[in-house]
Amino acid sequence: MGRLSDVRGCHFWNEDLSLTKSFPVTERFGVQLGVDAFNAFNRVNFLGFVGDIDNPAFGQTTGASGGRFIQLHLKIAIPSSQPVEKPFQWLAIPGTPQ
């Protein structure tokens, strides 16, 4: 018979969430704490299915994507020791005063 190449697979649902909170430690230093959740609601996403009519596994899924993944992060903000004189010099338009 052949393959069913015009058949579409399942819908793909993926919700990612991120929460962060910044805390000032001193006047110059700060800390940022956060959590990221990828595929936060842990939905199953099927990758595909067997489309060959002659195959005994016809119509069955070939796999699923990974489940929920959660990561924590901590960022410490340390100010630069040297002041930046021209922070956007690379955006300067030629022929204009700088």
N, C-alpha and C. Protein backbone atom coordinates (compact mmCIF):
# COMPACT_ATOMS: atom_id res chain seq x y z
N MET A 1 0.82 -1.19 0.00
CA MET A 1 0.00 0.00 0.00
C MET A 1 0.86 1.26 0.00
N GLY A 2 1.58 1.48 1.07
CA GLY A 2 2.40 2.68 1.11
C GLY A 2 2.31 3.39 2.44
N ARG A 3 2.71 4.67 2.43
CA ARG A 3 2.73 5.47 3.66
C ARG A 3 1.65 6.54 3.61
N LEU A 4 1.22 6.94 4.78
CA LEU A 4 0.30 8.07 4.90
C LEU A 4 1.12 9.30 5.27
N SER A 5 1.63 10.00 4.27
CA SER A 5 2.51 11.13 4.54
C SER A 5 1.73 12.42 4.79
N ASP A 6 0.44 12.44 4.49
CA ASP A 6 -0.34 13.66 4.67
C ASP A 6 -1.04 13.72 6.03
N VAL A 7 -0.87 12.73 6.86
CA VAL A 7 -1.53 12.70 8.15
C VAL A 7 -0.70 13.50 9.15
N ARG A 8 -1.35 14.33 9.92
CA ARG A 8 -0.66 15.14 10.91
C ARG A 8 -0.56 14.40 12.23
N GLY A 9 0.41 14.80 13.01
CA GLY A 9 0.59 14.22 14.34
C GLY A 9 -0.26 14.93 15.38
N CYS A 10 0.03 14.68 16.61
CA CYS A 10 -0.72 15.26 17.73
C CYS A 10 -0.30 16.71 17.95
N HIS A 11 -1.16 17.42 18.66
CA HIS A 11 -0.84 18.80 19.04
C HIS A 11 0.34 18.80 20.01
N PHE A 12 1.08 19.90 20.02
CA PHE A 12 2.22 20.05 20.91
C PHE A 12 1.91 21.16 21.90
N TRP A 13 1.83 20.84 23.18
CA TRP A 13 1.55 21.80 24.23
C TRP A 13 2.77 21.91 25.12
N ASN A 14 3.19 23.15 25.37
CA ASN A 14 4.36 23.36 26.21
C ASN A 14 4.22 24.71 26.91
N GLU A 15 4.10 24.67 28.22
CA GLU A 15 4.00 25.90 28.99
C GLU A 15 5.23 26.01 29.88
N ASP A 16 5.96 27.12 29.74
CA ASP A 16 7.14 27.38 30.56
C ASP A 16 6.84 28.54 31.50
N LEU A 17 7.24 28.41 32.75
CA LEU A 17 7.03 29.46 33.74
C LEU A 17 8.36 29.85 34.37
N SER A 18 8.46 31.11 34.78
CA SER A 18 9.66 31.59 35.44
C SER A 18 9.26 32.62 36.50
N LEU A 19 9.81 32.46 37.69
CA LEU A 19 9.58 33.41 38.78
C LEU A 19 10.94 33.85 39.31
N THR A 20 11.12 35.15 39.47
CA THR A 20 12.37 35.67 40.02
C THR A 20 12.06 36.73 41.07
N LYS A 21 12.96 36.87 42.01
CA LYS A 21 12.84 37.88 43.06
C LYS A 21 14.23 38.46 43.31
N SER A 22 14.32 39.77 43.31
CA SER A 22 15.60 40.46 43.55
C SER A 22 15.64 40.97 44.98
N PHE A 23 16.79 40.79 45.63
CA PHE A 23 16.99 41.24 47.01
C PHE A 23 18.23 42.13 47.05
N PRO A 24 18.10 43.36 47.52
CA PRO A 24 19.30 44.18 47.71
C PRO A 24 20.03 43.72 48.98
N VAL A 25 21.33 43.47 48.86
CA VAL A 25 22.13 43.05 50.02
C VAL A 25 22.76 44.28 50.67
N THR A 26 23.41 45.08 49.86
CA THR A 26 23.94 46.36 50.31
C THR A 26 23.53 47.40 49.28
N GLU A 27 24.08 48.58 49.42
CA GLU A 27 23.76 49.63 48.46
C GLU A 27 24.32 49.32 47.07
N ARG A 28 25.41 48.55 47.01
CA ARG A 28 26.05 48.24 45.73
C ARG A 28 25.81 46.82 45.25
N PHE A 29 25.54 45.89 46.14
CA PHE A 29 25.40 44.48 45.76
C PHE A 29 23.97 44.02 45.88
N GLY A 30 23.62 43.07 45.06
CA GLY A 30 22.27 42.51 45.10
C GLY A 30 22.29 41.04 44.74
N VAL A 31 21.21 40.36 45.06
CA VAL A 31 21.06 38.93 44.77
C VAL A 31 19.71 38.73 44.09
N GLN A 32 19.69 37.87 43.09
CA GLN A 32 18.44 37.53 42.42
C GLN A 32 18.25 36.02 42.53
N LEU A 33 17.11 35.59 43.06
CA LEU A 33 16.79 34.18 43.23
C LEU A 33 15.62 33.86 42.32
N GLY A 34 15.68 32.72 41.66
CA GLY A 34 14.60 32.39 40.73
C GLY A 34 14.41 30.90 40.54
N VAL A 35 13.26 30.57 39.97
CA VAL A 35 12.93 29.19 39.63
C VAL A 35 12.31 29.20 38.23
N ASP A 36 12.73 28.25 37.40
CA ASP A 36 12.19 28.09 36.05
C ASP A 36 11.57 26.70 35.96
N ALA A 37 10.39 26.61 35.38
CA ALA A 37 9.72 25.32 35.18
C ALA A 37 9.42 25.18 33.69
N PHE A 38 10.03 24.20 33.07
CA PHE A 38 9.81 23.91 31.66
C PHE A 38 8.81 22.75 31.56
N ASN A 39 7.81 22.90 30.68
CA ASN A 39 6.67 21.98 30.61
C ASN A 39 6.03 21.90 32.00
N ALA A 40 5.68 23.07 32.53
CA ALA A 40 5.25 23.21 33.92
C ALA A 40 4.06 22.35 34.29
N PHE A 41 3.13 22.13 33.38
CA PHE A 41 1.95 21.34 33.69
C PHE A 41 2.13 19.86 33.33
N ASN A 42 3.33 19.49 32.94
CA ASN A 42 3.72 18.10 32.67
C ASN A 42 2.80 17.42 31.66
N ARG A 43 2.52 18.09 30.57
CA ARG A 43 1.67 17.51 29.51
C ARG A 43 2.50 16.54 28.67
N VAL A 44 1.87 15.47 28.26
CA VAL A 44 2.54 14.49 27.39
C VAL A 44 2.46 15.01 25.96
N ASN A 45 3.60 15.08 25.28
CA ASN A 45 3.66 15.48 23.88
C ASN A 45 4.21 14.32 23.08
N PHE A 46 3.35 13.72 22.27
CA PHE A 46 3.77 12.59 21.44
C PHE A 46 4.56 13.09 20.25
N LEU A 47 5.65 12.38 19.93
CA LEU A 47 6.57 12.84 18.89
C LEU A 47 6.11 12.46 17.49
N GLY A 48 5.43 11.40 17.33
CA GLY A 48 4.99 10.98 16.01
C GLY A 48 4.31 9.62 16.10
N PHE A 49 3.98 9.07 14.95
CA PHE A 49 3.35 7.77 14.93
C PHE A 49 3.77 7.01 13.68
N VAL A 50 3.53 5.74 13.68
CA VAL A 50 3.88 4.88 12.55
C VAL A 50 2.83 5.10 11.47
N GLY A 51 3.26 5.56 10.29
CA GLY A 51 2.33 5.87 9.21
C GLY A 51 2.32 4.84 8.10
N ASP A 52 3.07 3.78 8.25
CA ASP A 52 3.12 2.73 7.22
C ASP A 52 1.98 1.76 7.45
N ILE A 53 1.06 1.68 6.50
CA ILE A 53 -0.13 0.82 6.64
C ILE A 53 0.26 -0.65 6.75
N ASP A 54 1.34 -1.05 6.12
CA ASP A 54 1.76 -2.46 6.14
C ASP A 54 2.44 -2.84 7.44
N ASN A 55 2.78 -1.88 8.27
CA ASN A 55 3.46 -2.15 9.53
C ASN A 55 2.43 -2.57 10.59
N PRO A 56 2.71 -3.66 11.35
CA PRO A 56 1.76 -4.07 12.40
C PRO A 56 1.57 -3.02 13.49
N ALA A 57 2.53 -2.07 13.64
CA ALA A 57 2.42 -1.02 14.65
C ALA A 57 1.76 0.24 14.09
N PHE A 58 1.02 0.11 12.99
CA PHE A 58 0.40 1.26 12.33
C PHE A 58 -0.46 2.05 13.31
N GLY A 59 -0.26 3.38 13.34
CA GLY A 59 -1.05 4.27 14.18
C GLY A 59 -0.54 4.44 15.59
N GLN A 60 0.46 3.67 15.99
CA GLN A 60 0.99 3.80 17.35
C GLN A 60 2.04 4.90 17.39
N THR A 61 2.16 5.53 18.55
CA THR A 61 3.13 6.61 18.70
C THR A 61 4.54 6.04 18.79
N THR A 62 5.50 6.83 18.34
CA THR A 62 6.90 6.39 18.34
C THR A 62 7.66 6.87 19.57
N GLY A 63 7.07 7.75 20.35
CA GLY A 63 7.75 8.24 21.54
C GLY A 63 7.06 9.48 22.08
N ALA A 64 7.59 9.98 23.17
CA ALA A 64 7.04 11.18 23.79
C ALA A 64 8.20 12.08 24.23
N SER A 65 7.92 13.37 24.30
CA SER A 65 8.95 14.31 24.74
C SER A 65 9.13 14.21 26.24
N GLY A 66 10.18 14.84 26.72
CA GLY A 66 10.50 14.79 28.15
C GLY A 66 9.43 15.44 29.01
N GLY A 67 9.45 15.10 30.27
CA GLY A 67 8.46 15.63 31.21
C GLY A 67 8.88 16.98 31.77
N ARG A 68 8.32 17.29 32.90
CA ARG A 68 8.58 18.57 33.57
C ARG A 68 10.05 18.65 33.98
N PHE A 69 10.62 19.85 33.85
CA PHE A 69 11.99 20.10 34.26
C PHE A 69 12.00 21.40 35.05
N ILE A 70 12.52 21.35 36.26
CA ILE A 70 12.55 22.54 37.13
C ILE A 70 14.00 22.85 37.48
N GLN A 71 14.36 24.13 37.39
CA GLN A 71 15.71 24.54 37.77
C GLN A 71 15.64 25.79 38.64
N LEU A 72 16.56 25.87 39.57
CA LEU A 72 16.70 27.03 40.44
C LEU A 72 17.94 27.81 40.01
N HIS A 73 17.90 29.11 40.16
CA HIS A 73 19.09 29.90 39.84
C HIS A 73 19.27 31.02 40.86
N LEU A 74 20.53 31.34 41.07
CA LEU A 74 20.93 32.41 41.98
C LEU A 74 21.93 33.28 41.24
N LYS A 75 21.66 34.57 41.21
CA LYS A 75 22.52 35.51 40.49
C LYS A 75 22.98 36.57 41.46
N ILE A 76 24.28 36.78 41.51
CA ILE A 76 24.85 37.79 42.38
C ILE A 76 25.29 38.97 41.51
N ALA A 77 24.75 40.15 41.80
CA ALA A 77 25.06 41.35 41.03
C ALA A 77 26.20 42.10 41.71
N ILE A 78 27.33 42.14 41.01
CA ILE A 78 28.52 42.83 41.51
C ILE A 78 28.79 44.00 40.57
N PRO A 79 28.86 45.22 41.06
CA PRO A 79 29.09 46.36 40.17
C PRO A 79 30.49 46.35 39.58
N SER A 80 30.61 46.94 38.42
CA SER A 80 31.90 47.04 37.75
C SER A 80 32.80 48.02 38.49
N SER A 81 34.11 47.73 38.51
CA SER A 81 35.04 48.61 39.22
C SER A 81 35.40 49.84 38.39
N GLN A 82 35.20 49.77 37.06
CA GLN A 82 35.52 50.91 36.21
C GLN A 82 34.23 51.46 35.61
N PRO A 83 34.03 52.76 35.65
CA PRO A 83 32.80 53.33 35.07
C PRO A 83 32.82 53.21 33.55
N VAL A 84 31.67 53.04 32.99
CA VAL A 84 31.53 52.96 31.54
C VAL A 84 31.26 54.36 31.03
N GLU A 85 32.16 54.88 30.19
CA GLU A 85 32.02 56.26 29.72
C GLU A 85 31.05 56.37 28.56
N LYS A 86 31.15 55.46 27.60
CA LYS A 86 30.26 55.46 26.45
C LYS A 86 29.66 54.07 26.30
N PRO A 87 28.57 53.79 26.98
CA PRO A 87 28.05 52.42 26.96
C PRO A 87 27.52 51.98 25.61
N PHE A 88 27.03 52.90 24.77
CA PHE A 88 26.46 52.52 23.49
C PHE A 88 27.24 53.11 22.33
N GLN A 89 28.54 53.11 22.44
CA GLN A 89 29.37 53.68 21.38
C GLN A 89 29.22 52.89 20.08
N TRP A 90 28.98 51.62 20.15
CA TRP A 90 28.85 50.81 18.94
C TRP A 90 27.57 51.14 18.18
N LEU A 91 26.63 51.86 18.81
CA LEU A 91 25.40 52.27 18.13
C LEU A 91 25.53 53.64 17.46
N ALA A 92 26.70 54.25 17.55
CA ALA A 92 26.89 55.60 17.01
C ALA A 92 26.71 55.60 15.51
N ILE A 93 26.04 56.62 15.00
CA ILE A 93 25.81 56.76 13.54
C ILE A 93 27.00 57.55 12.98
N PRO A 94 27.63 57.05 11.91
CA PRO A 94 28.76 57.77 11.32
C PRO A 94 28.35 59.17 10.85
N GLY A 95 29.22 60.14 11.10
CA GLY A 95 28.97 61.50 10.68
C GLY A 95 28.25 62.34 11.71
N THR A 96 27.89 61.77 12.86
CA THR A 96 27.22 62.53 13.91
C THR A 96 28.22 62.79 15.02
N PRO A 97 28.09 63.91 15.74
CA PRO A 97 29.01 64.19 16.85
C PRO A 97 28.83 63.16 17.97
N GLN A 98 29.97 62.82 18.58
CA GLN A 98 29.91 61.82 19.66
C GLN A 98 30.44 62.37 20.95
